[in-house]
Amino acid sequence: MSLSAVDGDGAPAILPLPFRAAFAPDRLMFIAHRERPLVAGLAARPKVAGSIIAGPGQGVTFAGLTTVAESPGPGRLAPGEQLYRIDVTEWLLFDENAAEFRVHPVRS
């Protein structure tokens, strides 16, 4: 996924990240180093947006709030890394290959 937020200095930032999804409730989990510019601003500005590309012209965009999550256990994270959770508040599915619709609002 690509995650967009405001960094610690107030500048826009985007960060490509591996992620894990969970539903009911809708959540995205990711691991990042605490000192990365985008991550440094999450405590003060937890609102994020991002996208997940499924294939050419297909995927989803999302918006949500990020919080620090509990560590998955000792030895699972490298020094300086932290587990984060995004509670997704909005999804927007897009499919440029669909004949009838190009954007499909799924849930708000």
C-alpha atoms as a PDB file:
ATOM      1  CA  MET A   1       0.000   0.000   0.000  1.00  0.00           C
ATOM      2  CA  SER A   2       0.966   3.630  -0.280  1.00  0.00           C
ATOM      3  CA  LEU A   3       0.241   5.689   2.816  1.00  0.00           C
ATOM      4  CA  SER A   4      -0.093   9.478   2.767  1.00  0.00           C
ATOM      5  CA  ALA A   5       0.003  11.777   5.801  1.00  0.00           C
ATOM      6  CA  VAL A   6       1.648  14.926   7.117  1.00  0.00           C
ATOM      7  CA  ASP A   7       5.150  14.441   8.504  1.00  0.00           C
ATOM      8  CA  GLY A   8       6.552  15.857  11.760  1.00  0.00           C
ATOM      9  CA  ASP A   9       7.446  19.147  10.031  1.00  0.00           C
ATOM     10  CA  GLY A  10       3.955  19.585   8.538  1.00  0.00           C
ATOM     11  CA  ALA A  11       4.937  18.619   4.988  1.00  0.00           C
ATOM     12  CA  PRO A  12       2.950  16.066   2.979  1.00  0.00           C
ATOM     13  CA  ALA A  13       4.610  12.658   2.816  1.00  0.00           C
ATOM     14  CA  ILE A  14       3.924   9.344   1.126  1.00  0.00           C
ATOM     15  CA  LEU A  15       5.362   6.003   2.151  1.00  0.00           C
ATOM     16  CA  PRO A  16       5.081   2.622   0.397  1.00  0.00           C
ATOM     17  CA  LEU A  17       4.532  -0.105   3.007  1.00  0.00           C
ATOM     18  CA  PRO A  18       3.692  -3.783   3.257  1.00  0.00           C
ATOM     19  CA  PHE A  19       0.447  -4.252   5.189  1.00  0.00           C
ATOM     20  CA  ARG A  20      -1.985  -6.761   6.623  1.00  0.00           C
ATOM     21  CA  ALA A  21      -5.758  -6.232   6.382  1.00  0.00           C
ATOM     22  CA  ALA A  22      -8.508  -7.194   8.831  1.00  0.00           C
ATOM     23  CA  PHE A  23     -12.241  -6.658   8.475  1.00  0.00           C
ATOM     24  CA  ALA A  24     -15.171  -6.245  10.884  1.00  0.00           C
ATOM     25  CA  PRO A  25     -13.877  -3.811  12.031  1.00  0.00           C
ATOM     26  CA  ASP A  26     -11.930  -2.600   9.017  1.00  0.00           C
ATOM     27  CA  ARG A  27      -8.246  -2.214   9.873  1.00  0.00           C
ATOM     28  CA  LEU A  28      -4.893  -2.087   8.148  1.00  0.00           C
ATOM     29  CA  MET A  29      -1.735  -2.939  10.092  1.00  0.00           C
ATOM     30  CA  PHE A  30       1.821  -1.945   9.168  1.00  0.00           C
ATOM     31  CA  ILE A  31       5.305  -1.856  10.670  1.00  0.00           C
ATOM     32  CA  ALA A  32       7.554   1.161  10.225  1.00  0.00           C
ATOM     33  CA  HIS A  33      10.607   2.690  11.874  1.00  0.00           C
ATOM     34  CA  ARG A  34       9.625   5.369  14.403  1.00  0.00           C
ATOM     35  CA  GLU A  35      12.059   7.897  12.901  1.00  0.00           C
ATOM     36  CA  ARG A  36      10.732   7.820   9.320  1.00  0.00           C
ATOM     37  CA  PRO A  37       9.408  11.302   8.441  1.00  0.00           C
ATOM     38  CA  LEU A  38       5.797  10.226   7.848  1.00  0.00           C
ATOM     39  CA  VAL A  39       5.666   8.093  10.998  1.00  0.00           C
ATOM     40  CA  ALA A  40       7.106  10.871  13.164  1.00  0.00           C
ATOM     41  CA  GLY A  41       4.030  13.029  12.477  1.00  0.00           C
ATOM     42  CA  LEU A  42       1.357  10.384  13.148  1.00  0.00           C
ATOM     43  CA  ALA A  43       1.029  11.047  16.879  1.00  0.00           C
ATOM     44  CA  ALA A  44       0.131  14.720  16.314  1.00  0.00           C
ATOM     45  CA  ARG A  45      -1.736  14.189  13.024  1.00  0.00           C
ATOM     46  CA  PRO A  46      -3.212  10.677  12.913  1.00  0.00           C
ATOM     47  CA  LYS A  47      -5.439  11.196   9.847  1.00  0.00           C
ATOM     48  CA  VAL A  48      -4.116   9.265   6.858  1.00  0.00           C
ATOM     49  CA  ALA A  49      -5.162   8.295   3.362  1.00  0.00           C
ATOM     50  CA  GLY A  50      -3.750   5.749   1.003  1.00  0.00           C
ATOM     51  CA  SER A  51      -4.206   3.324  -1.829  1.00  0.00           C
ATOM     52  CA  ILE A  52      -3.821  -0.364  -2.491  1.00  0.00           C
ATOM     53  CA  ILE A  53      -3.367  -1.370  -6.132  1.00  0.00           C
ATOM     54  CA  ALA A  54      -4.788  -4.795  -7.036  1.00  0.00           C
ATOM     55  CA  GLY A  55      -3.846  -4.744 -10.718  1.00  0.00           C
ATOM     56  CA  PRO A  56      -3.646  -2.376 -13.683  1.00  0.00           C
ATOM     57  CA  GLY A  57      -6.393   0.206 -13.156  1.00  0.00           C
ATOM     58  CA  GLN A  58      -7.905  -1.644 -10.191  1.00  0.00           C
ATOM     59  CA  GLY A  59      -7.675  -1.094  -6.470  1.00  0.00           C
ATOM     60  CA  VAL A  60      -8.993   0.811  -3.511  1.00  0.00           C
ATOM     61  CA  THR A  61      -8.308   4.100  -1.779  1.00  0.00           C
ATOM     62  CA  PHE A  62      -8.966   4.555   1.924  1.00  0.00           C
ATOM     63  CA  ALA A  63      -8.988   7.111   4.723  1.00  0.00           C
ATOM     64  CA  GLY A  64      -8.676   6.521   8.436  1.00  0.00           C
ATOM     65  CA  LEU A  65      -7.000   7.193  11.759  1.00  0.00           C
ATOM     66  CA  THR A  66      -3.659   5.719  12.787  1.00  0.00           C
ATOM     67  CA  THR A  67      -2.694   4.602  16.289  1.00  0.00           C
ATOM     68  CA  VAL A  68       0.211   2.704  17.763  1.00  0.00           C
ATOM     69  CA  ALA A  69      -0.692  -0.973  18.168  1.00  0.00           C
ATOM     70  CA  GLU A  70       0.593  -3.485  20.660  1.00  0.00           C
ATOM     71  CA  SER A  71       3.841  -5.170  19.671  1.00  0.00           C
ATOM     72  CA  PRO A  72       3.430  -8.641  18.160  1.00  0.00           C
ATOM     73  CA  GLY A  73       5.868  -9.995  20.750  1.00  0.00           C
ATOM     74  CA  PRO A  74       9.556  -9.960  21.664  1.00  0.00           C
ATOM     75  CA  GLY A  75      11.949 -10.424  18.783  1.00  0.00           C
ATOM     76  CA  ARG A  76       9.295  -9.765  16.131  1.00  0.00           C
ATOM     77  CA  LEU A  77      10.325  -6.147  15.458  1.00  0.00           C
ATOM     78  CA  ALA A  78      13.741  -4.711  14.628  1.00  0.00           C
ATOM     79  CA  PRO A  79      15.152  -2.014  16.935  1.00  0.00           C
ATOM     80  CA  GLY A  80      13.265   1.243  16.370  1.00  0.00           C
ATOM     81  CA  GLU A  81      10.308  -0.402  14.627  1.00  0.00           C
ATOM     82  CA  GLN A  82       6.717  -0.019  15.779  1.00  0.00           C
ATOM     83  CA  LEU A  83       3.459  -1.726  14.824  1.00  0.00           C
ATOM     84  CA  TYR A  84       0.701   0.695  13.738  1.00  0.00           C
ATOM     85  CA  ARG A  85      -3.030   0.256  13.151  1.00  0.00           C
ATOM     86  CA  ILE A  86      -5.207   2.221  10.746  1.00  0.00           C
ATOM     87  CA  ASP A  87      -8.905   2.182  11.615  1.00  0.00           C
ATOM     88  CA  VAL A  88     -10.397   2.660   8.143  1.00  0.00           C
ATOM     89  CA  THR A  89     -13.338   5.084   8.011  1.00  0.00           C
ATOM     90  CA  GLU A  90     -13.808   5.199   4.244  1.00  0.00           C
ATOM     91  CA  TRP A  91     -13.124   2.918   1.273  1.00  0.00           C
ATOM     92  CA  LEU A  92     -13.414   3.819  -2.410  1.00  0.00           C
ATOM     93  CA  LEU A  93     -13.108   0.960  -4.895  1.00  0.00           C
ATOM     94  CA  PHE A  94     -11.939   1.821  -8.409  1.00  0.00           C
ATOM     95  CA  ASP A  95     -11.861  -0.229 -11.587  1.00  0.00           C
ATOM     96  CA  GLU A  96     -10.855   1.546 -14.787  1.00  0.00           C
ATOM     97  CA  ASN A  97     -11.583  -1.623 -16.758  1.00  0.00           C
ATOM     98  CA  ALA A  98     -15.282  -1.850 -15.774  1.00  0.00           C
ATOM     99  CA  ALA A  99     -17.669  -1.119 -18.653  1.00  0.00           C
ATOM    100  CA  GLU A 100     -20.382   0.650 -16.613  1.00  0.00           C
ATOM    101  CA  PHE A 101     -18.642   2.308 -13.667  1.00  0.00           C
ATOM    102  CA  ARG A 102     -15.155   3.647 -13.123  1.00  0.00           C
ATOM    103  CA  VAL A 103     -15.480   4.449  -9.405  1.00  0.00           C
ATOM    104  CA  HIS A 104     -17.542   2.426  -6.963  1.00  0.00           C
ATOM    105  CA  PRO A 105     -18.113   3.876  -3.497  1.00  0.00           C
ATOM    106  CA  VAL A 106     -18.174   0.847  -1.230  1.00  0.00           C
ATOM    107  CA  ARG A 107     -18.543   2.213   2.273  1.00  0.00           C
ATOM    108  CA  SER A 108     -18.290   5.487   4.156  1.00  0.00           C
END
